[in-house]
């Protein structure tokens, strides 16, 4: 079984953001210019905008996705679920398909 590894936000921030620039924002009043609550949706959107071509998911030696591809796949999945009538707070269970050789 191959593990899918998602780059943690902390790892991306440590690699791409200068700690000093974060310190310079300490003490500023929160406003739309410097503070937005981070949700799963705006995390994907913001990460795609900033790290478009950076690898987001690696699944084995041959499967890699960028943040742009990850966001697009999430949007497609959300649209497919919506088309099936699944909406917010509905519970969805994933079933593992049995292999025909077992």
N, C-alpha and C. Protein backbone atom coordinates (compact mmCIF):
# COMPACT_ATOMS: atom_id res chain seq x y z
N UNK A 1 0.85 -1.19 0.00
CA UNK A 1 0.00 0.00 0.00
C UNK A 1 0.89 1.24 0.00
N UNK A 2 0.61 2.18 -0.87
CA UNK A 2 1.37 3.41 -0.96
C UNK A 2 0.71 4.48 -0.12
N UNK A 3 1.50 5.19 0.66
CA UNK A 3 0.98 6.28 1.47
C UNK A 3 0.96 7.56 0.62
N UNK A 4 -0.09 8.33 0.77
CA UNK A 4 -0.16 9.63 0.11
C UNK A 4 0.32 10.66 1.12
N UNK A 5 1.32 11.44 0.76
CA UNK A 5 1.81 12.45 1.69
C UNK A 5 1.43 13.83 1.18
N UNK A 6 0.78 14.58 2.04
CA UNK A 6 0.39 15.95 1.73
C UNK A 6 1.37 16.87 2.43
N UNK A 7 1.97 17.78 1.68
CA UNK A 7 2.92 18.70 2.29
C UNK A 7 2.24 19.51 3.38
N UNK A 8 2.69 19.43 4.61
CA UNK A 8 2.06 20.20 5.68
C UNK A 8 2.24 21.70 5.45
N UNK A 9 1.24 22.44 5.85
CA UNK A 9 1.30 23.90 5.69
C UNK A 9 2.53 24.46 6.39
N UNK A 10 2.84 23.93 7.56
CA UNK A 10 4.01 24.44 8.30
C UNK A 10 5.28 24.25 7.50
N UNK A 11 5.45 23.12 6.84
CA UNK A 11 6.65 22.86 6.06
C UNK A 11 6.76 23.84 4.89
N UNK A 12 5.65 24.08 4.23
CA UNK A 12 5.64 25.02 3.10
C UNK A 12 6.00 26.42 3.59
N UNK A 13 5.40 26.82 4.71
CA UNK A 13 5.66 28.17 5.23
C UNK A 13 7.12 28.33 5.65
N UNK A 14 7.66 27.30 6.31
CA UNK A 14 9.06 27.39 6.75
C UNK A 14 9.98 27.52 5.56
N UNK A 15 9.69 26.82 4.48
CA UNK A 15 10.56 26.85 3.30
C UNK A 15 10.41 28.13 2.49
N UNK A 16 9.25 28.77 2.54
CA UNK A 16 8.98 29.85 1.59
C UNK A 16 8.70 31.23 2.20
N UNK A 17 8.63 31.30 3.50
CA UNK A 17 8.31 32.59 4.13
C UNK A 17 9.43 32.95 5.09
N UNK A 18 9.87 34.16 5.04
CA UNK A 18 10.90 34.63 5.95
C UNK A 18 10.27 34.88 7.32
N UNK A 19 10.86 34.28 8.36
CA UNK A 19 10.34 34.44 9.71
C UNK A 19 10.32 35.92 10.12
N UNK A 20 11.32 36.67 9.68
CA UNK A 20 11.38 38.09 10.04
C UNK A 20 10.19 38.86 9.51
N UNK A 21 9.70 38.51 8.33
CA UNK A 21 8.55 39.24 7.78
C UNK A 21 7.31 38.95 8.61
N UNK A 22 7.22 37.75 9.18
CA UNK A 22 6.09 37.45 10.07
C UNK A 22 6.20 38.24 11.36
N UNK A 23 7.42 38.36 11.89
CA UNK A 23 7.62 39.11 13.13
C UNK A 23 7.27 40.59 12.95
N UNK A 24 7.51 41.11 11.76
CA UNK A 24 7.23 42.52 11.53
C UNK A 24 5.73 42.81 11.55
N UNK A 25 4.90 41.76 11.44
CA UNK A 25 3.45 41.95 11.47
C UNK A 25 2.88 41.85 12.88
N UNK A 26 3.70 41.42 13.85
CA UNK A 26 3.20 41.30 15.21
C UNK A 26 2.73 42.65 15.72
N UNK A 27 1.61 42.65 16.40
CA UNK A 27 1.07 43.87 16.96
C UNK A 27 0.18 44.67 16.03
N UNK A 28 0.10 44.28 14.76
CA UNK A 28 -0.78 44.99 13.83
C UNK A 28 -2.23 44.61 14.12
N UNK A 29 -3.14 45.57 14.01
CA UNK A 29 -4.55 45.21 14.17
C UNK A 29 -5.00 44.30 13.02
N UNK A 30 -5.84 43.32 13.34
CA UNK A 30 -6.32 42.41 12.31
C UNK A 30 -7.32 43.13 11.40
N UNK A 31 -7.10 42.99 10.09
CA UNK A 31 -8.01 43.56 9.10
C UNK A 31 -7.94 42.69 7.86
N UNK A 32 -8.75 42.98 6.86
CA UNK A 32 -8.80 42.14 5.66
C UNK A 32 -7.47 42.14 4.90
N UNK A 33 -6.63 43.15 5.12
CA UNK A 33 -5.36 43.22 4.42
C UNK A 33 -4.31 42.28 5.00
N UNK A 34 -4.42 41.96 6.31
CA UNK A 34 -3.38 41.14 6.92
C UNK A 34 -3.90 39.92 7.68
N UNK A 35 -5.20 39.70 7.67
CA UNK A 35 -5.74 38.57 8.43
C UNK A 35 -7.01 38.05 7.78
N UNK A 36 -7.04 36.78 7.48
CA UNK A 36 -8.24 36.10 6.99
C UNK A 36 -8.28 34.74 7.66
N UNK A 37 -9.40 34.38 8.30
CA UNK A 37 -9.46 33.05 8.91
C UNK A 37 -9.19 31.97 7.84
N UNK A 38 -8.39 30.98 8.20
CA UNK A 38 -8.00 29.95 7.25
C UNK A 38 -8.98 28.78 7.30
N UNK A 39 -9.71 28.59 6.20
CA UNK A 39 -10.61 27.45 6.07
C UNK A 39 -10.00 26.47 5.07
N UNK A 40 -10.56 25.29 4.95
CA UNK A 40 -10.04 24.32 3.98
C UNK A 40 -10.11 24.87 2.56
N UNK A 41 -11.20 25.58 2.27
CA UNK A 41 -11.38 26.12 0.91
C UNK A 41 -10.38 27.22 0.62
N UNK A 42 -10.31 28.24 1.50
CA UNK A 42 -9.38 29.33 1.17
C UNK A 42 -7.93 28.91 1.34
N UNK A 43 -7.65 27.86 2.14
CA UNK A 43 -6.29 27.31 2.19
C UNK A 43 -5.89 26.82 0.80
N UNK A 44 -6.77 26.02 0.17
CA UNK A 44 -6.47 25.50 -1.17
C UNK A 44 -6.31 26.63 -2.18
N UNK A 45 -7.22 27.59 -2.15
CA UNK A 45 -7.17 28.70 -3.10
C UNK A 45 -5.90 29.53 -2.92
N UNK A 46 -5.58 29.87 -1.66
CA UNK A 46 -4.41 30.70 -1.40
C UNK A 46 -3.12 29.94 -1.72
N UNK A 47 -3.08 28.65 -1.36
CA UNK A 47 -1.88 27.86 -1.63
C UNK A 47 -1.67 27.70 -3.12
N UNK A 48 -2.76 27.49 -3.87
CA UNK A 48 -2.64 27.39 -5.33
C UNK A 48 -2.09 28.69 -5.91
N UNK A 49 -2.57 29.83 -5.42
CA UNK A 49 -2.11 31.12 -5.93
C UNK A 49 -0.64 31.39 -5.63
N UNK A 50 -0.19 30.97 -4.46
CA UNK A 50 1.18 31.26 -4.04
C UNK A 50 2.17 30.20 -4.52
N UNK A 51 1.77 28.93 -4.45
CA UNK A 51 2.68 27.82 -4.75
C UNK A 51 2.17 26.98 -5.91
N UNK A 52 1.71 27.63 -6.97
CA UNK A 52 1.05 26.98 -8.09
C UNK A 52 1.75 25.71 -8.57
N UNK A 53 3.01 25.77 -8.84
CA UNK A 53 3.73 24.64 -9.43
C UNK A 53 4.52 23.82 -8.41
N UNK A 54 4.35 24.11 -7.12
CA UNK A 54 5.02 23.34 -6.08
C UNK A 54 4.27 22.03 -5.87
N UNK A 55 5.01 20.96 -5.61
CA UNK A 55 4.40 19.64 -5.39
C UNK A 55 3.57 19.65 -4.11
N UNK A 56 2.34 19.15 -4.21
CA UNK A 56 1.45 19.08 -3.04
C UNK A 56 1.24 17.65 -2.58
N UNK A 57 1.16 16.71 -3.52
CA UNK A 57 0.90 15.31 -3.19
C UNK A 57 1.85 14.43 -3.97
N UNK A 58 2.41 13.44 -3.27
CA UNK A 58 3.23 12.43 -3.92
C UNK A 58 2.63 11.08 -3.55
N UNK A 59 2.30 10.27 -4.55
CA UNK A 59 1.75 8.94 -4.32
C UNK A 59 2.59 7.94 -5.11
N UNK A 60 3.60 7.42 -4.45
CA UNK A 60 4.49 6.48 -5.12
C UNK A 60 5.49 7.20 -5.99
N UNK A 61 6.26 6.43 -6.77
CA UNK A 61 7.34 7.04 -7.56
C UNK A 61 6.88 7.80 -8.80
N UNK A 62 5.66 7.55 -9.27
CA UNK A 62 5.27 8.15 -10.55
C UNK A 62 4.10 9.13 -10.48
N UNK A 63 3.47 9.29 -9.33
CA UNK A 63 2.30 10.18 -9.24
C UNK A 63 2.64 11.38 -8.37
N UNK A 64 2.63 12.56 -8.99
CA UNK A 64 2.85 13.82 -8.26
C UNK A 64 1.83 14.83 -8.74
N UNK A 65 1.33 15.63 -7.81
CA UNK A 65 0.40 16.69 -8.16
C UNK A 65 0.93 18.01 -7.62
N UNK A 66 0.70 19.08 -8.39
CA UNK A 66 1.03 20.43 -7.93
C UNK A 66 -0.17 20.96 -7.15
N UNK A 67 0.00 22.10 -6.49
CA UNK A 67 -1.12 22.71 -5.78
C UNK A 67 -2.22 23.13 -6.76
N UNK A 68 -1.84 23.55 -7.96
CA UNK A 68 -2.83 23.90 -8.98
C UNK A 68 -3.67 22.68 -9.34
N UNK A 69 -3.02 21.54 -9.55
CA UNK A 69 -3.74 20.31 -9.89
C UNK A 69 -4.58 19.81 -8.71
N UNK A 70 -4.05 19.94 -7.50
CA UNK A 70 -4.78 19.50 -6.31
C UNK A 70 -6.06 20.31 -6.15
N UNK A 71 -5.97 21.62 -6.30
CA UNK A 71 -7.15 22.47 -6.18
C UNK A 71 -8.17 22.13 -7.25
N UNK A 72 -7.71 21.92 -8.49
CA UNK A 72 -8.63 21.56 -9.59
C UNK A 72 -9.33 20.23 -9.31
N UNK A 73 -8.58 19.25 -8.79
CA UNK A 73 -9.17 17.95 -8.47
C UNK A 73 -10.20 18.07 -7.34
N UNK A 74 -9.91 18.90 -6.36
CA UNK A 74 -10.86 19.12 -5.25
C UNK A 74 -12.15 19.77 -5.75
N UNK A 75 -12.02 20.73 -6.66
CA UNK A 75 -13.19 21.39 -7.24
C UNK A 75 -14.02 20.39 -8.03
N UNK A 76 -13.36 19.52 -8.82
CA UNK A 76 -14.07 18.49 -9.59
C UNK A 76 -14.80 17.52 -8.67
N UNK A 77 -14.14 17.10 -7.59
CA UNK A 77 -14.77 16.18 -6.64
C UNK A 77 -15.98 16.85 -5.98
N UNK A 78 -15.83 18.09 -5.57
CA UNK A 78 -16.95 18.80 -4.95
C UNK A 78 -18.12 18.94 -5.92
N UNK A 79 -17.82 19.22 -7.17
CA UNK A 79 -18.88 19.34 -8.19
C UNK A 79 -19.58 18.02 -8.41
N UNK A 80 -18.81 16.93 -8.46
CA UNK A 80 -19.40 15.60 -8.66
C UNK A 80 -20.30 15.24 -7.48
N UNK A 81 -19.85 15.53 -6.26
CA UNK A 81 -20.68 15.24 -5.08
C UNK A 81 -21.95 16.08 -5.10
N UNK A 82 -21.82 17.33 -5.48
CA UNK A 82 -22.99 18.21 -5.58
C UNK A 82 -23.97 17.71 -6.63
N UNK A 83 -23.45 17.25 -7.78
CA UNK A 83 -24.31 16.70 -8.84
C UNK A 83 -25.07 15.46 -8.37
N UNK A 84 -24.50 14.73 -7.41
CA UNK A 84 -25.16 13.55 -6.86
C UNK A 84 -26.16 13.89 -5.75
N UNK A 85 -26.28 15.18 -5.45
CA UNK A 85 -27.22 15.62 -4.42
C UNK A 85 -26.64 15.63 -3.02
N UNK A 86 -25.33 15.46 -2.91
CA UNK A 86 -24.67 15.47 -1.61
C UNK A 86 -24.32 16.91 -1.28
N UNK A 87 -24.68 17.33 -0.07
CA UNK A 87 -24.44 18.72 0.30
C UNK A 87 -23.76 18.79 1.67
N UNK A 88 -23.54 20.00 2.13
CA UNK A 88 -22.85 20.27 3.38
C UNK A 88 -23.48 19.46 4.52
N UNK A 89 -22.62 18.87 5.33
CA UNK A 89 -22.96 18.07 6.52
C UNK A 89 -23.50 16.68 6.20
N UNK A 90 -23.64 16.33 4.91
CA UNK A 90 -23.99 14.95 4.57
C UNK A 90 -22.77 14.07 4.86
N UNK A 91 -23.03 12.82 5.21
CA UNK A 91 -21.96 11.87 5.49
C UNK A 91 -21.75 10.99 4.26
N UNK A 92 -20.49 10.87 3.84
CA UNK A 92 -20.15 10.07 2.68
C UNK A 92 -19.15 9.01 3.13
N UNK A 93 -19.42 7.76 2.78
CA UNK A 93 -18.52 6.67 3.15
C UNK A 93 -17.87 6.11 1.89
N UNK A 94 -16.60 5.90 1.96
CA UNK A 94 -15.86 5.34 0.83
C UNK A 94 -15.75 3.84 1.02
N UNK A 95 -16.12 3.08 0.01
CA UNK A 95 -16.01 1.62 0.06
C UNK A 95 -14.80 1.19 -0.75
N UNK A 96 -14.05 0.26 -0.18
CA UNK A 96 -12.91 -0.29 -0.89
C UNK A 96 -13.40 -1.40 -1.81
N UNK A 97 -13.07 -1.30 -3.08
CA UNK A 97 -13.47 -2.32 -4.04
C UNK A 97 -12.56 -3.53 -3.92
N UNK A 98 -13.16 -4.69 -4.01
CA UNK A 98 -12.37 -5.93 -3.96
C UNK A 98 -11.73 -6.18 -5.31
N UNK A 99 -10.54 -6.70 -5.26
CA UNK A 99 -9.83 -7.04 -6.48
C UNK A 99 -10.44 -8.32 -7.07
N UNK A 100 -10.54 -8.39 -8.39
CA UNK A 100 -11.13 -9.56 -9.03
C UNK A 100 -10.24 -10.79 -8.90
N UNK A 101 -8.96 -10.60 -8.56
CA UNK A 101 -8.05 -11.72 -8.43
C UNK A 101 -8.09 -12.35 -7.05
N UNK A 102 -8.78 -11.72 -6.05
CA UNK A 102 -8.82 -12.33 -4.72
C UNK A 102 -10.01 -13.19 -4.49
